[in-house]
Amino acid sequence: MDRTYKYLGYFLLLLIPLIFAGFYKTYFHPFPNFGKNIDAYIHIHAIIAATWVAILVVQPFLIVQKKVALHRAVGKLSYVVFHLLIISFIPRIVKTYNAGDFPYLFFPLGDGSLLILFYVLAIYYKRKTAKHMRYMIASALVLLGPTVGRIGPNLLGWSELLTQNVQYGIIYFILISLILYDRKNKRKFQPYLVAIAGFIIHQIIYHIVFL
C-alpha cells in the first residue's frame, strides 16, 4: 500500500458509526421486535452489507500489517460477497416496483450501478495497487448514500432533497481532498476523477427523476 494511505483503515472505520446512525431508527432501535416492514430479505441484505463493510475495513489493515496472503484470500472472498450484495438489492427493487413507487427505484439501481462500476474497475486493476485501492475507496463512498440519506431526515429532520445534496457535497469534498492530497504527494489520482464523474451522473439523474 502507498505509505501516504497507511491510515486508510481508520478512516474506513468511520463507516461503522455512520451506518449505525443511519439505520438506528429504522433497524437497530426496534431490534428485536421488528415491524412487518422488516422482512427476512432485509435481514439478509443487512448481514451481507455488514460483511461487505467488514471486508472494506479490514483489507487496508492487512496490507499495513504485511499480511499479503490473507489480504488476497479476503479479496477472493469479496468476489462472492459482492455478487451476493448486488443480488440482495433485487427484493427491494421488486418490492418498490410492485408498490408503484417507480421514482424510488433510482436508489437501488443508481447505487448498485456505481458499486458495480467501481468494484469492476478495482478488480480490473488489482495488479496495479494504486488504482485498485482508489477504486475501492470510491466504492466505499457509495455507502454514504444509504447512510447520510437516512441520517438527514431521520435524525436531523432534513428534507430528502437537502439530504441528497448534502450527501453529494460530502462525497465531492472527500474526492477533491483526495485529489489534492495525491497531487501534493505526486501520486496518480485519475480514479478519483472517474468517481467524481460517476457521482455527477448519479446526481443529475436524481434531480431529473425527483424534480
N, C-alpha and C. Protein backbone atom coordinates (compact mmCIF):
# COMPACT_ATOMS: atom_id res chain seq x y z
N MET A 1 0.84 -1.20 0.00
CA MET A 1 0.00 0.00 0.00
C MET A 1 0.87 1.25 0.00
N ASP A 2 0.40 2.26 -0.71
CA ASP A 2 1.05 3.56 -0.70
C ASP A 2 1.16 4.04 0.75
N ARG A 3 2.37 4.42 1.16
CA ARG A 3 2.58 4.85 2.55
C ARG A 3 1.71 6.03 2.94
N THR A 4 1.38 6.86 1.96
CA THR A 4 0.56 8.03 2.28
C THR A 4 -0.86 7.63 2.67
N TYR A 5 -1.22 6.37 2.45
CA TYR A 5 -2.56 5.88 2.78
C TYR A 5 -2.52 4.86 3.92
N LYS A 6 -1.49 4.91 4.72
CA LYS A 6 -1.33 3.89 5.76
C LYS A 6 -2.41 3.97 6.85
N TYR A 7 -3.10 5.11 6.95
CA TYR A 7 -4.16 5.24 7.94
C TYR A 7 -5.56 5.07 7.33
N LEU A 8 -5.62 4.57 6.11
CA LEU A 8 -6.89 4.43 5.41
C LEU A 8 -7.90 3.60 6.21
N GLY A 9 -7.42 2.51 6.80
CA GLY A 9 -8.32 1.63 7.55
C GLY A 9 -9.06 2.36 8.65
N TYR A 10 -8.38 3.30 9.31
CA TYR A 10 -9.01 4.04 10.41
C TYR A 10 -10.12 4.96 9.89
N PHE A 11 -9.90 5.55 8.72
CA PHE A 11 -10.94 6.39 8.12
C PHE A 11 -12.15 5.55 7.71
N LEU A 12 -11.89 4.35 7.17
CA LEU A 12 -12.99 3.47 6.77
C LEU A 12 -13.78 2.99 7.98
N LEU A 13 -13.13 2.94 9.14
CA LEU A 13 -13.84 2.56 10.36
C LEU A 13 -14.99 3.52 10.67
N LEU A 14 -14.88 4.76 10.17
CA LEU A 14 -15.94 5.75 10.41
C LEU A 14 -17.26 5.33 9.77
N LEU A 15 -17.18 4.41 8.79
CA LEU A 15 -18.40 3.92 8.16
C LEU A 15 -19.32 3.24 9.18
N ILE A 16 -18.71 2.59 10.17
CA ILE A 16 -19.50 1.81 11.13
C ILE A 16 -20.44 2.69 11.96
N PRO A 17 -19.94 3.76 12.63
CA PRO A 17 -20.88 4.62 13.37
C PRO A 17 -21.86 5.35 12.45
N LEU A 18 -21.43 5.68 11.23
CA LEU A 18 -22.35 6.33 10.30
C LEU A 18 -23.49 5.40 9.91
N ILE A 19 -23.16 4.15 9.64
CA ILE A 19 -24.19 3.17 9.29
C ILE A 19 -25.13 2.95 10.47
N PHE A 20 -24.56 2.85 11.67
CA PHE A 20 -25.39 2.67 12.86
C PHE A 20 -26.35 3.85 13.03
N ALA A 21 -25.84 5.07 12.86
CA ALA A 21 -26.68 6.27 12.99
C ALA A 21 -27.76 6.30 11.92
N GLY A 22 -27.36 5.94 10.69
CA GLY A 22 -28.30 6.00 9.58
C GLY A 22 -29.45 5.01 9.72
N PHE A 23 -29.15 3.84 10.23
CA PHE A 23 -30.17 2.78 10.31
C PHE A 23 -30.68 2.58 11.74
N TYR A 24 -30.31 3.46 12.66
CA TYR A 24 -30.71 3.30 14.05
C TYR A 24 -32.23 3.32 14.20
N LYS A 25 -32.87 4.32 13.65
CA LYS A 25 -34.30 4.50 13.86
C LYS A 25 -35.12 3.40 13.19
N THR A 26 -34.69 2.98 12.00
CA THR A 26 -35.50 2.03 11.23
C THR A 26 -35.12 0.58 11.45
N TYR A 27 -33.89 0.32 11.93
CA TYR A 27 -33.47 -1.09 12.04
C TYR A 27 -32.93 -1.46 13.43
N PHE A 28 -31.99 -0.69 13.96
CA PHE A 28 -31.37 -1.07 15.23
C PHE A 28 -32.25 -0.78 16.44
N HIS A 29 -32.96 0.36 16.43
CA HIS A 29 -33.79 0.72 17.58
C HIS A 29 -34.91 -0.29 17.83
N PRO A 30 -35.64 -0.75 16.80
CA PRO A 30 -36.73 -1.71 17.06
C PRO A 30 -36.26 -3.13 17.35
N PHE A 31 -34.96 -3.40 17.23
CA PHE A 31 -34.44 -4.75 17.47
C PHE A 31 -34.77 -5.21 18.90
N PRO A 32 -35.27 -6.45 19.14
CA PRO A 32 -35.54 -7.48 18.12
C PRO A 32 -37.01 -7.52 17.69
N ASN A 33 -37.79 -6.52 18.12
CA ASN A 33 -39.23 -6.51 17.81
C ASN A 33 -39.49 -5.71 16.54
N PHE A 34 -39.11 -6.30 15.41
CA PHE A 34 -39.26 -5.61 14.14
C PHE A 34 -40.71 -5.61 13.68
N GLY A 35 -41.08 -4.55 12.96
CA GLY A 35 -42.41 -4.48 12.38
C GLY A 35 -42.52 -5.34 11.12
N LYS A 36 -43.70 -5.35 10.55
CA LYS A 36 -43.94 -6.17 9.36
C LYS A 36 -43.14 -5.67 8.15
N ASN A 37 -42.72 -4.41 8.20
CA ASN A 37 -41.97 -3.86 7.06
C ASN A 37 -40.53 -4.37 7.01
N ILE A 38 -40.06 -4.96 8.11
CA ILE A 38 -38.72 -5.55 8.13
C ILE A 38 -38.86 -7.05 7.95
N ASP A 39 -38.67 -7.51 6.72
CA ASP A 39 -38.84 -8.94 6.44
C ASP A 39 -37.49 -9.64 6.37
N ALA A 40 -37.53 -10.93 6.05
CA ALA A 40 -36.32 -11.75 6.00
C ALA A 40 -35.32 -11.23 4.98
N TYR A 41 -35.82 -10.70 3.86
CA TYR A 41 -34.92 -10.20 2.82
C TYR A 41 -34.09 -9.02 3.33
N ILE A 42 -34.69 -8.17 4.14
CA ILE A 42 -33.97 -7.03 4.69
C ILE A 42 -32.89 -7.50 5.66
N HIS A 43 -33.19 -8.51 6.46
CA HIS A 43 -32.19 -9.07 7.37
C HIS A 43 -31.01 -9.66 6.59
N ILE A 44 -31.34 -10.38 5.52
CA ILE A 44 -30.28 -10.99 4.69
C ILE A 44 -29.42 -9.90 4.07
N HIS A 45 -30.07 -8.86 3.54
CA HIS A 45 -29.33 -7.74 2.94
C HIS A 45 -28.44 -7.08 3.99
N ALA A 46 -28.96 -6.91 5.21
CA ALA A 46 -28.18 -6.27 6.28
C ALA A 46 -26.94 -7.09 6.62
N ILE A 47 -27.09 -8.41 6.69
CA ILE A 47 -25.96 -9.28 7.02
C ILE A 47 -24.91 -9.24 5.92
N ILE A 48 -25.35 -9.29 4.67
CA ILE A 48 -24.41 -9.26 3.54
C ILE A 48 -23.70 -7.91 3.48
N ALA A 49 -24.47 -6.82 3.66
CA ALA A 49 -23.89 -5.48 3.63
C ALA A 49 -22.87 -5.29 4.76
N ALA A 50 -23.19 -5.83 5.94
CA ALA A 50 -22.26 -5.74 7.08
C ALA A 50 -20.97 -6.50 6.78
N THR A 51 -21.10 -7.64 6.13
CA THR A 51 -19.92 -8.42 5.74
C THR A 51 -19.08 -7.65 4.74
N TRP A 52 -19.75 -6.99 3.80
CA TRP A 52 -19.04 -6.19 2.79
C TRP A 52 -18.27 -5.04 3.44
N VAL A 53 -18.91 -4.36 4.39
CA VAL A 53 -18.25 -3.26 5.10
C VAL A 53 -17.05 -3.79 5.88
N ALA A 54 -17.21 -4.95 6.51
CA ALA A 54 -16.10 -5.55 7.26
C ALA A 54 -14.91 -5.82 6.34
N ILE A 55 -15.18 -6.28 5.13
CA ILE A 55 -14.11 -6.53 4.16
C ILE A 55 -13.41 -5.23 3.79
N LEU A 56 -14.20 -4.19 3.51
CA LEU A 56 -13.62 -2.89 3.15
C LEU A 56 -12.72 -2.36 4.26
N VAL A 57 -13.14 -2.54 5.49
CA VAL A 57 -12.39 -2.00 6.63
C VAL A 57 -11.13 -2.81 6.91
N VAL A 58 -11.23 -4.14 6.85
CA VAL A 58 -10.11 -4.98 7.27
C VAL A 58 -8.98 -5.02 6.24
N GLN A 59 -9.30 -4.87 4.96
CA GLN A 59 -8.27 -5.02 3.93
C GLN A 59 -7.09 -4.05 4.08
N PRO A 60 -7.31 -2.77 4.30
CA PRO A 60 -6.15 -1.87 4.47
C PRO A 60 -5.29 -2.24 5.67
N PHE A 61 -5.91 -2.69 6.75
CA PHE A 61 -5.14 -3.10 7.93
C PHE A 61 -4.25 -4.30 7.62
N LEU A 62 -4.77 -5.24 6.81
CA LEU A 62 -3.98 -6.43 6.46
C LEU A 62 -2.76 -6.04 5.63
N ILE A 63 -2.93 -5.06 4.75
CA ILE A 63 -1.79 -4.62 3.94
C ILE A 63 -0.75 -3.92 4.80
N VAL A 64 -1.20 -3.04 5.69
CA VAL A 64 -0.27 -2.32 6.57
C VAL A 64 0.52 -3.31 7.43
N GLN A 65 -0.17 -4.37 7.86
CA GLN A 65 0.49 -5.38 8.69
C GLN A 65 1.25 -6.42 7.86
N LYS A 66 1.29 -6.18 6.55
CA LYS A 66 2.03 -7.03 5.61
C LYS A 66 1.54 -8.48 5.60
N LYS A 67 0.24 -8.64 5.82
CA LYS A 67 -0.38 -9.96 5.72
C LYS A 67 -0.98 -10.10 4.33
N VAL A 68 -0.08 -10.15 3.35
CA VAL A 68 -0.48 -10.12 1.94
C VAL A 68 -1.31 -11.33 1.56
N ALA A 69 -0.90 -12.51 2.02
CA ALA A 69 -1.63 -13.74 1.67
C ALA A 69 -3.07 -13.68 2.18
N LEU A 70 -3.24 -13.22 3.40
CA LEU A 70 -4.59 -13.11 3.96
C LEU A 70 -5.39 -12.04 3.23
N HIS A 71 -4.72 -10.95 2.88
CA HIS A 71 -5.37 -9.88 2.11
C HIS A 71 -5.91 -10.44 0.79
N ARG A 72 -5.12 -11.27 0.12
CA ARG A 72 -5.56 -11.85 -1.15
C ARG A 72 -6.70 -12.84 -0.94
N ALA A 73 -6.64 -13.58 0.15
CA ALA A 73 -7.70 -14.55 0.44
C ALA A 73 -9.03 -13.83 0.69
N VAL A 74 -8.96 -12.73 1.47
CA VAL A 74 -10.16 -11.94 1.73
C VAL A 74 -10.65 -11.29 0.43
N GLY A 75 -9.70 -10.90 -0.41
CA GLY A 75 -10.05 -10.32 -1.71
C GLY A 75 -10.83 -11.30 -2.57
N LYS A 76 -10.42 -12.56 -2.54
CA LYS A 76 -11.14 -13.60 -3.30
C LYS A 76 -12.53 -13.84 -2.71
N LEU A 77 -12.61 -13.78 -1.38
CA LEU A 77 -13.91 -13.90 -0.72
C LEU A 77 -14.84 -12.77 -1.15
N SER A 78 -14.26 -11.60 -1.39
CA SER A 78 -15.08 -10.44 -1.78
C SER A 78 -15.80 -10.67 -3.10
N TYR A 79 -15.24 -11.53 -3.98
CA TYR A 79 -15.93 -11.83 -5.23
C TYR A 79 -17.32 -12.39 -4.95
N VAL A 80 -17.39 -13.30 -3.99
CA VAL A 80 -18.66 -13.93 -3.63
C VAL A 80 -19.56 -12.94 -2.90
N VAL A 81 -19.00 -12.25 -1.91
CA VAL A 81 -19.79 -11.33 -1.09
C VAL A 81 -20.35 -10.20 -1.95
N PHE A 82 -19.54 -9.68 -2.88
CA PHE A 82 -20.01 -8.57 -3.71
C PHE A 82 -21.19 -9.01 -4.58
N HIS A 83 -21.09 -10.18 -5.18
CA HIS A 83 -22.20 -10.67 -6.01
C HIS A 83 -23.46 -10.85 -5.16
N LEU A 84 -23.30 -11.38 -3.94
CA LEU A 84 -24.45 -11.54 -3.06
C LEU A 84 -25.03 -10.19 -2.67
N LEU A 85 -24.15 -9.19 -2.47
CA LEU A 85 -24.61 -7.84 -2.12
C LEU A 85 -25.49 -7.27 -3.23
N ILE A 86 -25.03 -7.38 -4.46
CA ILE A 86 -25.81 -6.86 -5.59
C ILE A 86 -27.12 -7.62 -5.73
N ILE A 87 -27.07 -8.95 -5.59
CA ILE A 87 -28.29 -9.75 -5.67
C ILE A 87 -29.28 -9.37 -4.58
N SER A 88 -28.74 -8.99 -3.40
CA SER A 88 -29.62 -8.65 -2.27
C SER A 88 -30.40 -7.36 -2.50
N PHE A 89 -30.05 -6.60 -3.53
CA PHE A 89 -30.82 -5.42 -3.89
C PHE A 89 -32.13 -5.80 -4.59
N ILE A 90 -32.16 -6.97 -5.20
CA ILE A 90 -33.29 -7.36 -6.05
C ILE A 90 -34.63 -7.36 -5.31
N PRO A 91 -34.73 -7.97 -4.10
CA PRO A 91 -36.04 -7.93 -3.41
C PRO A 91 -36.57 -6.51 -3.20
N ARG A 92 -35.66 -5.56 -2.87
CA ARG A 92 -36.11 -4.18 -2.69
C ARG A 92 -36.60 -3.61 -4.00
N ILE A 93 -35.90 -3.91 -5.08
CA ILE A 93 -36.31 -3.41 -6.40
C ILE A 93 -37.69 -3.94 -6.75
N VAL A 94 -37.90 -5.25 -6.54
CA VAL A 94 -39.19 -5.88 -6.85
C VAL A 94 -40.29 -5.28 -5.98
N LYS A 95 -40.01 -5.12 -4.67
CA LYS A 95 -41.00 -4.57 -3.74
C LYS A 95 -41.37 -3.15 -4.12
N THR A 96 -40.37 -2.34 -4.46
CA THR A 96 -40.61 -0.96 -4.85
C THR A 96 -41.42 -0.89 -6.14
N TYR A 97 -41.08 -1.75 -7.08
CA TYR A 97 -41.80 -1.78 -8.36
C TYR A 97 -43.25 -2.19 -8.16
N ASN A 98 -43.47 -3.23 -7.38
CA ASN A 98 -44.84 -3.72 -7.15
C ASN A 98 -45.69 -2.70 -6.41
N ALA A 99 -45.03 -1.87 -5.58
CA ALA A 99 -45.76 -0.83 -4.84
C ALA A 99 -46.06 0.39 -5.72
N GLY A 100 -45.49 0.42 -6.91
CA GLY A 100 -45.71 1.54 -7.82
C GLY A 100 -44.89 2.77 -7.50
N ASP A 101 -43.90 2.62 -6.61
CA ASP A 101 -43.03 3.76 -6.25
C ASP A 101 -41.86 3.84 -7.22
N PHE A 102 -42.18 4.01 -8.49
CA PHE A 102 -41.16 3.90 -9.53
C PHE A 102 -39.97 4.86 -9.37
N PRO A 103 -40.19 6.13 -8.96
CA PRO A 103 -39.01 7.01 -8.80
C PRO A 103 -37.99 6.46 -7.81
N TYR A 104 -38.46 5.73 -6.79
CA TYR A 104 -37.55 5.24 -5.75
C TYR A 104 -36.75 4.01 -6.19
N LEU A 105 -37.00 3.56 -7.41
CA LEU A 105 -36.13 2.54 -7.99
C LEU A 105 -34.74 3.12 -8.25
N PHE A 106 -34.69 4.46 -8.31
CA PHE A 106 -33.41 5.13 -8.57
C PHE A 106 -32.35 4.74 -7.56
N PHE A 107 -32.73 4.61 -6.28
CA PHE A 107 -31.73 4.41 -5.23
C PHE A 107 -31.04 3.04 -5.33
N PRO A 108 -31.76 1.93 -5.36
CA PRO A 108 -31.04 0.66 -5.51
C PRO A 108 -30.36 0.52 -6.87
N LEU A 109 -31.00 1.02 -7.92
CA LEU A 109 -30.40 0.90 -9.25
C LEU A 109 -29.21 1.83 -9.42
N GLY A 110 -29.33 3.07 -8.93
CA GLY A 110 -28.24 4.03 -9.05
C GLY A 110 -27.05 3.66 -8.21
N ASP A 111 -27.29 3.33 -6.94
CA ASP A 111 -26.19 2.95 -6.04
C ASP A 111 -25.57 1.64 -6.50
N GLY A 112 -26.42 0.70 -6.93
CA GLY A 112 -25.90 -0.58 -7.41
C GLY A 112 -25.01 -0.42 -8.63
N SER A 113 -25.39 0.49 -9.52
CA SER A 113 -24.60 0.72 -10.74
C SER A 113 -23.22 1.29 -10.39
N LEU A 114 -23.18 2.24 -9.45
CA LEU A 114 -21.88 2.80 -9.05
C LEU A 114 -21.02 1.75 -8.35
N LEU A 115 -21.64 0.94 -7.50
CA LEU A 115 -20.89 -0.12 -6.83
C LEU A 115 -20.26 -1.07 -7.85
N ILE A 116 -21.06 -1.47 -8.82
CA ILE A 116 -20.55 -2.39 -9.85
C ILE A 116 -19.42 -1.75 -10.64
N LEU A 117 -19.61 -0.48 -11.05
CA LEU A 117 -18.60 0.22 -11.82
C LEU A 117 -17.27 0.28 -11.08
N PHE A 118 -17.30 0.76 -9.84
CA PHE A 118 -16.06 0.95 -9.09
C PHE A 118 -15.42 -0.38 -8.70
N TYR A 119 -16.24 -1.36 -8.36
CA TYR A 119 -15.67 -2.66 -7.97
C TYR A 119 -15.06 -3.37 -9.17
N VAL A 120 -15.73 -3.33 -10.30
CA VAL A 120 -15.20 -3.96 -11.51
C VAL A 120 -13.86 -3.31 -11.91
N LEU A 121 -13.80 -1.98 -11.82
CA LEU A 121 -12.54 -1.28 -12.13
C LEU A 121 -11.46 -1.65 -11.11
N ALA A 122 -11.83 -1.78 -9.85
CA ALA A 122 -10.85 -2.17 -8.82
C ALA A 122 -10.29 -3.56 -9.09
N ILE A 123 -11.15 -4.48 -9.50
CA ILE A 123 -10.70 -5.84 -9.81
C ILE A 123 -9.87 -5.85 -11.09
N TYR A 124 -10.28 -5.06 -12.06
CA TYR A 124 -9.54 -4.98 -13.32
C TYR A 124 -8.10 -4.52 -13.07
N TYR A 125 -7.95 -3.59 -12.12
CA TYR A 125 -6.62 -3.05 -11.80
C TYR A 125 -6.04 -3.66 -10.52
N LYS A 126 -6.42 -4.88 -10.21
CA LYS A 126 -5.96 -5.49 -8.95
C LYS A 126 -4.45 -5.66 -8.89
N ARG A 127 -3.80 -5.71 -10.05
CA ARG A 127 -2.33 -5.83 -10.06
C ARG A 127 -1.65 -4.46 -10.07
N LYS A 128 -2.45 -3.41 -10.18
CA LYS A 128 -1.93 -2.05 -10.09
C LYS A 128 -2.48 -1.46 -8.80
N THR A 129 -1.73 -1.66 -7.73
CA THR A 129 -2.22 -1.40 -6.38
C THR A 129 -2.80 0.00 -6.20
N ALA A 130 -2.15 1.00 -6.76
CA ALA A 130 -2.61 2.38 -6.56
C ALA A 130 -4.02 2.58 -7.10
N LYS A 131 -4.25 2.13 -8.33
CA LYS A 131 -5.59 2.28 -8.93
C LYS A 131 -6.60 1.40 -8.21
N HIS A 132 -6.19 0.17 -7.90
CA HIS A 132 -7.09 -0.76 -7.21
C HIS A 132 -7.59 -0.14 -5.90
N MET A 133 -6.68 0.40 -5.11
CA MET A 133 -7.04 0.98 -3.83
C MET A 133 -7.98 2.16 -3.99
N ARG A 134 -7.71 3.01 -4.95
CA ARG A 134 -8.52 4.22 -5.12
C ARG A 134 -9.94 3.89 -5.61
N TYR A 135 -10.07 2.88 -6.45
CA TYR A 135 -11.41 2.48 -6.88
C TYR A 135 -12.18 1.82 -5.73
N MET A 136 -11.48 1.11 -4.85
CA MET A 136 -12.15 0.54 -3.69
C MET A 136 -12.60 1.64 -2.73
N ILE A 137 -11.80 2.70 -2.62
CA ILE A 137 -12.22 3.85 -1.81
C ILE A 137 -13.48 4.47 -2.40
N ALA A 138 -13.51 4.58 -3.73
CA ALA A 138 -14.70 5.12 -4.41
C ALA A 138 -15.92 4.26 -4.12
N SER A 139 -15.73 2.94 -4.12
CA SER A 139 -16.87 2.05 -3.85
C SER A 139 -17.35 2.23 -2.41
N ALA A 140 -16.43 2.50 -1.50
CA ALA A 140 -16.82 2.73 -0.11
C ALA A 140 -17.66 4.01 0.03
N LEU A 141 -17.35 5.02 -0.79
CA LEU A 141 -18.09 6.28 -0.73
C LEU A 141 -19.55 6.11 -1.15
N VAL A 142 -19.82 5.09 -1.97
CA VAL A 142 -21.21 4.82 -2.37
C VAL A 142 -22.06 4.52 -1.15
N LEU A 143 -21.45 3.94 -0.13
CA LEU A 143 -22.18 3.57 1.08
C LEU A 143 -22.66 4.80 1.86
N LEU A 144 -22.10 5.97 1.56
CA LEU A 144 -22.57 7.18 2.22
C LEU A 144 -24.00 7.52 1.79
N GLY A 145 -24.41 7.01 0.62
CA GLY A 145 -25.76 7.27 0.14
C GLY A 145 -26.82 6.77 1.10
N PRO A 146 -26.88 5.47 1.34
CA PRO A 146 -27.92 4.95 2.25
C PRO A 146 -27.71 5.32 3.72
N THR A 147 -26.52 5.83 4.10
CA THR A 147 -26.30 6.22 5.50
C THR A 147 -26.67 7.69 5.71
N VAL A 148 -25.98 8.58 5.01
CA VAL A 148 -26.31 10.01 5.12
C VAL A 148 -27.75 10.25 4.67
N GLY A 149 -28.19 9.45 3.67
CA GLY A 149 -29.55 9.58 3.16
C GLY A 149 -30.62 9.30 4.21
N ARG A 150 -30.25 8.60 5.27
CA ARG A 150 -31.19 8.33 6.38
C ARG A 150 -30.91 9.22 7.59
N ILE A 151 -29.66 9.57 7.80
CA ILE A 151 -29.32 10.44 8.94
C ILE A 151 -30.02 11.79 8.79
N GLY A 152 -30.02 12.34 7.57
CA GLY A 152 -30.63 13.64 7.33
C GLY A 152 -32.08 13.72 7.76
N PRO A 153 -32.96 12.91 7.14
CA PRO A 153 -34.38 13.01 7.50
C PRO A 153 -34.73 12.38 8.85
N ASN A 154 -34.09 11.27 9.22
CA ASN A 154 -34.48 10.54 10.43
C ASN A 154 -33.95 11.17 11.72
N LEU A 155 -32.74 11.73 11.69
CA LEU A 155 -32.13 12.27 12.91
C LEU A 155 -32.07 13.80 12.93
N LEU A 156 -31.98 14.41 11.74
CA LEU A 156 -31.81 15.87 11.69
C LEU A 156 -33.04 16.60 11.18
N GLY A 157 -34.02 15.85 10.69
CA GLY A 157 -35.25 16.47 10.21
C GLY A 157 -35.12 17.19 8.88
N TRP A 158 -34.10 16.86 8.11
CA TRP A 158 -33.92 17.50 6.81
C TRP A 158 -34.87 16.91 5.78
N SER A 159 -35.14 17.69 4.74
CA SER A 159 -35.91 17.19 3.61
C SER A 159 -35.05 16.22 2.81
N GLU A 160 -35.70 15.39 2.01
CA GLU A 160 -34.96 14.43 1.19
C GLU A 160 -34.05 15.14 0.20
N LEU A 161 -34.55 16.24 -0.39
CA LEU A 161 -33.75 16.98 -1.38
C LEU A 161 -32.49 17.56 -0.74
N LEU A 162 -32.65 18.20 0.42
CA LEU A 162 -31.49 18.76 1.13
C LEU A 162 -30.51 17.65 1.49
N THR A 163 -31.02 16.55 2.00
CA THR A 163 -30.17 15.44 2.41
C THR A 163 -29.34 14.91 1.25
N GLN A 164 -29.99 14.74 0.11
CA GLN A 164 -29.29 14.22 -1.06
C GLN A 164 -28.17 15.15 -1.50
N ASN A 165 -28.44 16.44 -1.52
CA ASN A 165 -27.43 17.39 -1.97
C ASN A 165 -26.29 17.53 -0.96
N VAL A 166 -26.60 17.42 0.33
CA VAL A 166 -25.55 17.40 1.35
C VAL A 166 -24.68 16.16 1.17
N GLN A 167 -25.34 15.04 0.90
CA GLN A 167 -24.62 13.78 0.66
C GLN A 167 -23.64 13.92 -0.50
N TYR A 168 -24.12 14.46 -1.62
CA TYR A 168 -23.23 14.66 -2.78
C TYR A 168 -22.09 15.62 -2.42
N GLY A 169 -22.43 16.67 -1.67
CA GLY A 169 -21.40 17.63 -1.28
C GLY A 169 -20.30 16.99 -0.45
N ILE A 170 -20.68 16.12 0.48
CA ILE A 170 -19.69 15.42 1.31
C ILE A 170 -18.81 14.53 0.44
N ILE A 171 -19.42 13.82 -0.49
CA ILE A 171 -18.67 12.91 -1.36
C ILE A 171 -17.70 13.69 -2.24
N TYR A 172 -18.16 14.79 -2.83
CA TYR A 172 -17.28 15.61 -3.68
C TYR A 172 -16.14 16.20 -2.86
N PHE A 173 -16.46 16.64 -1.64
CA PHE A 173 -15.42 17.20 -0.77
C PHE A 173 -14.34 16.16 -0.49
N ILE A 174 -14.74 14.93 -0.19
CA ILE A 174 -13.77 13.87 0.09
C ILE A 174 -12.93 13.58 -1.14
N LEU A 175 -13.58 13.45 -2.30
CA LEU A 175 -12.85 13.11 -3.52
C LEU A 175 -11.89 14.23 -3.93
N ILE A 176 -12.34 15.47 -3.85
CA ILE A 176 -11.47 16.60 -4.20
C ILE A 176 -10.31 16.69 -3.23
N SER A 177 -10.57 16.45 -1.94
CA SER A 177 -9.50 16.45 -0.95
C SER A 177 -8.47 15.38 -1.25
N LEU A 178 -8.95 14.20 -1.66
CA LEU A 178 -8.04 13.11 -2.00
C LEU A 178 -7.22 13.44 -3.25
N ILE A 179 -7.84 14.11 -4.21
CA ILE A 179 -7.11 14.52 -5.42
C ILE A 179 -5.99 15.50 -5.04
N LEU A 180 -6.33 16.49 -4.24
CA LEU A 180 -5.33 17.48 -3.82
C LEU A 180 -4.22 16.81 -3.00
N TYR A 181 -4.61 15.85 -2.17
CA TYR A 181 -3.64 15.11 -1.37
C TYR A 181 -2.69 14.32 -2.26
N ASP A 182 -3.25 13.65 -3.28
CA ASP A 182 -2.41 12.88 -4.21
C ASP A 182 -1.51 13.79 -5.04
N ARG A 183 -2.03 14.93 -5.46
CA ARG A 183 -1.20 15.87 -6.22
C ARG A 183 -0.03 16.36 -5.38
N LYS A 184 -0.31 16.65 -4.13
CA LYS A 184 0.74 17.12 -3.23
C LYS A 184 1.83 16.06 -3.08
N ASN A 185 1.43 14.80 -3.03
CA ASN A 185 2.38 13.70 -2.84
C ASN A 185 2.82 13.06 -4.16
N LYS A 186 2.46 13.74 -5.27
CA LYS A 186 2.86 13.30 -6.60
C LYS A 186 2.42 11.86 -6.89
N ARG A 187 1.14 11.59 -6.60
CA ARG A 187 0.53 10.30 -6.87
C ARG A 187 -0.52 10.47 -7.96
N LYS A 188 -0.83 9.40 -8.66
CA LYS A 188 -1.84 9.44 -9.71
C LYS A 188 -3.24 9.38 -9.10
N PHE A 189 -4.07 10.34 -9.46
CA PHE A 189 -5.38 10.46 -8.84
C PHE A 189 -6.53 10.24 -9.84
N GLN A 190 -6.22 9.73 -11.06
CA GLN A 190 -7.24 9.58 -12.09
C GLN A 190 -8.48 8.81 -11.65
N PRO A 191 -8.34 7.74 -10.85
CA PRO A 191 -9.56 7.03 -10.41
C PRO A 191 -10.56 7.92 -9.69
N TYR A 192 -10.06 8.93 -9.00
CA TYR A 192 -10.98 9.83 -8.30
C TYR A 192 -11.75 10.71 -9.29
N LEU A 193 -11.13 11.01 -10.43
CA LEU A 193 -11.85 11.77 -11.46
C LEU A 193 -12.98 10.93 -12.04
N VAL A 194 -12.71 9.65 -12.24
CA VAL A 194 -13.76 8.72 -12.70
C VAL A 194 -14.88 8.66 -11.68
N ALA A 195 -14.50 8.61 -10.40
CA ALA A 195 -15.50 8.56 -9.33
C ALA A 195 -16.36 9.82 -9.31
N ILE A 196 -15.73 10.98 -9.45
CA ILE A 196 -16.48 12.24 -9.47
C ILE A 196 -17.46 12.24 -10.63
N ALA A 197 -17.01 11.80 -11.80
CA ALA A 197 -17.89 11.73 -12.97
C ALA A 197 -19.08 10.82 -12.70
N GLY A 198 -18.82 9.68 -12.05
CA GLY A 198 -19.90 8.75 -11.73
C GLY A 198 -20.92 9.36 -10.79
N PHE A 199 -20.46 10.06 -9.77
CA PHE A 199 -21.38 10.66 -8.81
C PHE A 199 -22.12 11.86 -9.42
N ILE A 200 -21.48 12.58 -10.34
CA ILE A 200 -22.17 13.69 -11.01
C ILE A 200 -23.33 13.16 -11.84
N ILE A 201 -23.10 12.07 -12.58
CA ILE A 201 -24.17 11.45 -13.36
C ILE A 201 -25.28 10.97 -12.42
N HIS A 202 -24.89 10.38 -11.30
CA HIS A 202 -25.85 9.91 -10.28
C HIS A 202 -26.70 11.09 -9.81
N GLN A 203 -26.06 12.22 -9.53
CA GLN A 203 -26.78 13.40 -9.03
C GLN A 203 -27.70 13.98 -10.10
N ILE A 204 -27.25 14.04 -11.33
CA ILE A 204 -28.07 14.58 -12.42
C ILE A 204 -29.33 13.73 -12.59
N ILE A 205 -29.16 12.42 -12.61
CA ILE A 205 -30.31 11.53 -12.76
C ILE A 205 -31.27 11.66 -11.59
N TYR A 206 -30.71 11.81 -10.38
CA TYR A 206 -31.57 12.01 -9.20
C TYR A 206 -32.46 13.24 -9.39
N HIS A 207 -31.87 14.35 -9.82
CA HIS A 207 -32.66 15.57 -9.98
C HIS A 207 -33.65 15.46 -11.13
N ILE A 208 -33.31 14.74 -12.17
CA ILE A 208 -34.26 14.52 -13.27
C ILE A 208 -35.46 13.71 -12.79
N VAL A 209 -35.18 12.68 -11.99
CA VAL A 209 -36.24 11.80 -11.50
C VAL A 209 -37.14 12.47 -10.48
N PHE A 210 -36.55 13.24 -9.56
CA PHE A 210 -37.33 13.75 -8.44
C PHE A 210 -37.72 15.23 -8.57
N LEU A 211 -37.17 15.93 -9.56
CA LEU A 211 -37.56 17.32 -9.75
C LEU A 211 -38.29 17.54 -11.06
